[in-house]
Structures are given as C-alpha cells and as structure tokens.
C-alpha cells in the first residue's frame, strides 16, 4: 500500500515538470512505457548535447526531490 502511495506522489511531482523536462525524465528512466535511454541517446533524439542533458537532468531531479521531500 505504501509503495502505491509513493508512486502516486512521484507521478504527481513529475506532472509538475515542463513538457521538455518530463520528456527527458521519461526517456532517461523508462517511464510512461518508454524505453530507458542513456544521456547520449536522449541528447541525440532531442538534437542537443549530452552535457546539456546532464545539466537538465540534474536540475530536474533536484526539483523532484524538493517536490516530494515532505510527502514521502
């Protein structure tokens, strides 16, 4: 039961992201039925550098941590 509630909290937090941030997180971690990809694969698909994906991913994960910190 607790795992289901945690999944709901994380899903809600992901929904607060911008479409681009959500797309990157979904591709990187295989969410929403997507295949899990490396930063390089995500970068190639979006036509941006791997280092930029790395920065965006780090920033987005920090935002998600802040969003769920007091809920889990």
N, C-alpha and C. Protein backbone atom coordinates (compact mmCIF):
# COMPACT_ATOMS: atom_id res chain seq x y z
N UNK A 1 0.82 -1.20 0.00
CA UNK A 1 0.00 0.00 0.00
C UNK A 1 0.86 1.26 0.00
N UNK A 2 1.90 1.25 0.82
CA UNK A 2 2.77 2.41 0.92
C UNK A 2 3.47 2.68 -0.41
N UNK A 3 3.88 1.63 -1.12
CA UNK A 3 4.53 1.80 -2.42
C UNK A 3 3.60 2.47 -3.42
N UNK A 4 2.33 2.08 -3.41
CA UNK A 4 1.36 2.70 -4.32
C UNK A 4 1.22 4.19 -4.05
N UNK A 5 1.19 4.56 -2.78
CA UNK A 5 1.07 5.98 -2.43
C UNK A 5 2.32 6.74 -2.85
N UNK A 6 3.49 6.14 -2.66
CA UNK A 6 4.74 6.78 -3.08
C UNK A 6 4.77 6.97 -4.60
N UNK A 7 4.31 5.98 -5.34
CA UNK A 7 4.25 6.09 -6.80
C UNK A 7 3.34 7.24 -7.22
N UNK A 8 2.21 7.38 -6.54
CA UNK A 8 1.28 8.47 -6.85
C UNK A 8 1.93 9.83 -6.58
N UNK A 9 2.66 9.94 -5.48
CA UNK A 9 3.32 11.20 -5.14
C UNK A 9 4.38 11.54 -6.20
N UNK A 10 5.15 10.55 -6.60
CA UNK A 10 6.18 10.77 -7.61
C UNK A 10 5.55 11.13 -8.95
N UNK A 11 4.48 10.43 -9.31
CA UNK A 11 3.79 10.72 -10.57
C UNK A 11 3.27 12.15 -10.58
N UNK A 12 2.68 12.58 -9.46
CA UNK A 12 2.18 13.96 -9.37
C UNK A 12 3.32 14.97 -9.48
N UNK A 13 4.45 14.65 -8.87
CA UNK A 13 5.62 15.54 -8.94
C UNK A 13 6.10 15.65 -10.39
N UNK A 14 6.14 14.55 -11.09
CA UNK A 14 6.59 14.56 -12.50
C UNK A 14 5.63 15.39 -13.35
N UNK A 15 4.35 15.34 -13.03
CA UNK A 15 3.36 16.12 -13.78
C UNK A 15 3.56 17.62 -13.63
N UNK A 16 4.28 18.06 -12.60
CA UNK A 16 4.52 19.49 -12.41
C UNK A 16 5.67 20.00 -13.29
N UNK A 17 6.41 19.09 -13.90
CA UNK A 17 7.55 19.49 -14.73
C UNK A 17 7.08 20.08 -16.05
N UNK A 18 7.96 20.83 -16.67
CA UNK A 18 7.66 21.34 -18.01
C UNK A 18 7.62 20.15 -18.97
N UNK A 19 6.96 20.30 -20.11
CA UNK A 19 6.92 19.18 -21.07
C UNK A 19 8.31 18.66 -21.45
N UNK A 20 9.26 19.54 -21.63
CA UNK A 20 10.61 19.11 -22.02
C UNK A 20 11.30 18.35 -20.88
N UNK A 21 11.18 18.87 -19.66
CA UNK A 21 11.77 18.18 -18.51
C UNK A 21 11.14 16.80 -18.33
N UNK A 22 9.83 16.74 -18.46
CA UNK A 22 9.11 15.47 -18.32
C UNK A 22 9.58 14.48 -19.38
N UNK A 23 9.71 14.94 -20.61
CA UNK A 23 10.15 14.08 -21.71
C UNK A 23 11.54 13.50 -21.42
N UNK A 24 12.44 14.35 -20.95
CA UNK A 24 13.80 13.90 -20.65
C UNK A 24 13.78 12.85 -19.54
N UNK A 25 13.07 13.11 -18.47
CA UNK A 25 13.00 12.17 -17.34
C UNK A 25 12.34 10.86 -17.77
N UNK A 26 11.28 10.94 -18.56
CA UNK A 26 10.62 9.73 -19.03
C UNK A 26 11.55 8.89 -19.90
N UNK A 27 12.29 9.53 -20.78
CA UNK A 27 13.22 8.79 -21.63
C UNK A 27 14.39 8.21 -20.83
N UNK A 28 14.94 8.99 -19.93
CA UNK A 28 16.10 8.55 -19.15
C UNK A 28 15.78 7.37 -18.25
N UNK A 29 14.60 7.38 -17.65
CA UNK A 29 14.28 6.37 -16.64
C UNK A 29 13.21 5.37 -17.09
N UNK A 30 12.84 5.43 -18.38
CA UNK A 30 11.90 4.46 -18.92
C UNK A 30 10.51 4.57 -18.34
N UNK A 31 10.06 5.78 -18.10
CA UNK A 31 8.72 6.00 -17.54
C UNK A 31 7.69 6.13 -18.65
N UNK A 32 6.45 5.92 -18.31
CA UNK A 32 5.38 6.10 -19.29
C UNK A 32 5.46 5.14 -20.47
N UNK A 33 6.01 3.96 -20.23
CA UNK A 33 6.12 2.97 -21.29
C UNK A 33 7.26 3.21 -22.27
N UNK A 34 8.07 4.21 -21.98
CA UNK A 34 9.22 4.49 -22.85
C UNK A 34 10.40 3.61 -22.47
N UNK A 35 11.27 3.38 -23.44
CA UNK A 35 12.49 2.61 -23.20
C UNK A 35 13.49 3.49 -22.46
N UNK A 36 14.18 2.93 -21.48
CA UNK A 36 15.22 3.66 -20.75
C UNK A 36 16.39 3.93 -21.68
N UNK A 37 16.80 5.19 -21.75
CA UNK A 37 17.88 5.59 -22.65
C UNK A 37 19.03 6.23 -21.88
N UNK A 38 20.21 6.21 -22.48
CA UNK A 38 21.36 6.91 -21.90
C UNK A 38 21.22 8.40 -22.15
N UNK A 39 22.02 9.19 -21.46
CA UNK A 39 22.02 10.63 -21.71
C UNK A 39 22.37 10.92 -23.15
N UNK A 40 23.31 10.19 -23.70
CA UNK A 40 23.73 10.39 -25.10
C UNK A 40 22.58 10.09 -26.05
N UNK A 41 21.85 9.01 -25.80
CA UNK A 41 20.71 8.66 -26.66
C UNK A 41 19.62 9.73 -26.59
N UNK A 42 19.35 10.23 -25.39
CA UNK A 42 18.35 11.30 -25.23
C UNK A 42 18.81 12.54 -25.98
N UNK A 43 20.06 12.89 -25.80
CA UNK A 43 20.62 14.07 -26.47
C UNK A 43 20.48 13.95 -27.99
N UNK A 44 20.82 12.79 -28.51
CA UNK A 44 20.72 12.58 -29.96
C UNK A 44 19.28 12.71 -30.44
N UNK A 45 18.36 12.17 -29.69
CA UNK A 45 16.94 12.26 -30.09
C UNK A 45 16.41 13.68 -30.05
N UNK A 46 16.92 14.47 -29.10
CA UNK A 46 16.44 15.85 -28.97
C UNK A 46 17.30 16.86 -29.73
N UNK A 47 18.40 16.39 -30.28
CA UNK A 47 19.26 17.28 -31.05
C UNK A 47 20.02 18.29 -30.21
N UNK A 48 20.38 17.89 -28.98
CA UNK A 48 21.17 18.76 -28.11
C UNK A 48 22.34 17.96 -27.55
N UNK A 49 23.24 18.62 -26.86
CA UNK A 49 24.44 17.94 -26.37
C UNK A 49 24.16 17.08 -25.14
N UNK A 50 25.00 16.07 -24.97
CA UNK A 50 24.89 15.19 -23.80
C UNK A 50 25.14 15.97 -22.52
N UNK A 51 26.06 16.93 -22.56
CA UNK A 51 26.35 17.70 -21.36
C UNK A 51 25.14 18.57 -20.95
N UNK A 52 24.40 19.05 -21.94
CA UNK A 52 23.20 19.83 -21.63
C UNK A 52 22.13 18.93 -21.01
N UNK A 53 21.98 17.71 -21.54
CA UNK A 53 21.05 16.74 -20.95
C UNK A 53 21.44 16.47 -19.51
N UNK A 54 22.73 16.30 -19.27
CA UNK A 54 23.22 16.03 -17.92
C UNK A 54 22.83 17.15 -16.97
N UNK A 55 23.03 18.40 -17.39
CA UNK A 55 22.67 19.54 -16.55
C UNK A 55 21.17 19.61 -16.30
N UNK A 56 20.38 19.42 -17.37
CA UNK A 56 18.92 19.45 -17.23
C UNK A 56 18.43 18.34 -16.32
N UNK A 57 18.99 17.16 -16.48
CA UNK A 57 18.59 16.02 -15.66
C UNK A 57 18.88 16.29 -14.18
N UNK A 58 20.07 16.78 -13.90
CA UNK A 58 20.44 17.06 -12.52
C UNK A 58 19.50 18.10 -11.90
N UNK A 59 19.24 19.18 -12.63
CA UNK A 59 18.36 20.24 -12.15
C UNK A 59 16.94 19.70 -11.93
N UNK A 60 16.47 18.88 -12.84
CA UNK A 60 15.12 18.35 -12.76
C UNK A 60 14.98 17.38 -11.59
N UNK A 61 15.97 16.54 -11.37
CA UNK A 61 15.93 15.60 -10.25
C UNK A 61 15.92 16.36 -8.92
N UNK A 62 16.69 17.43 -8.84
CA UNK A 62 16.68 18.24 -7.62
C UNK A 62 15.30 18.84 -7.38
N UNK A 63 14.65 19.31 -8.44
CA UNK A 63 13.30 19.86 -8.31
C UNK A 63 12.33 18.79 -7.83
N UNK A 64 12.45 17.58 -8.38
CA UNK A 64 11.58 16.49 -7.97
C UNK A 64 11.81 16.13 -6.50
N UNK A 65 13.07 16.09 -6.09
CA UNK A 65 13.39 15.81 -4.68
C UNK A 65 12.74 16.84 -3.77
N UNK A 66 12.84 18.10 -4.14
CA UNK A 66 12.23 19.17 -3.34
C UNK A 66 10.71 19.01 -3.30
N UNK A 67 10.13 18.64 -4.42
CA UNK A 67 8.68 18.49 -4.53
C UNK A 67 8.14 17.37 -3.64
N UNK A 68 8.89 16.28 -3.54
CA UNK A 68 8.38 15.13 -2.79
C UNK A 68 8.96 15.01 -1.39
N UNK A 69 9.90 15.85 -1.04
CA UNK A 69 10.63 15.72 0.24
C UNK A 69 9.73 15.60 1.46
N UNK A 70 8.73 16.40 1.56
CA UNK A 70 7.89 16.38 2.75
C UNK A 70 6.68 15.45 2.61
N UNK A 71 6.60 14.74 1.50
CA UNK A 71 5.44 13.88 1.24
C UNK A 71 5.73 12.39 1.38
N UNK A 72 7.00 12.05 1.32
CA UNK A 72 7.38 10.63 1.42
C UNK A 72 8.15 10.41 2.71
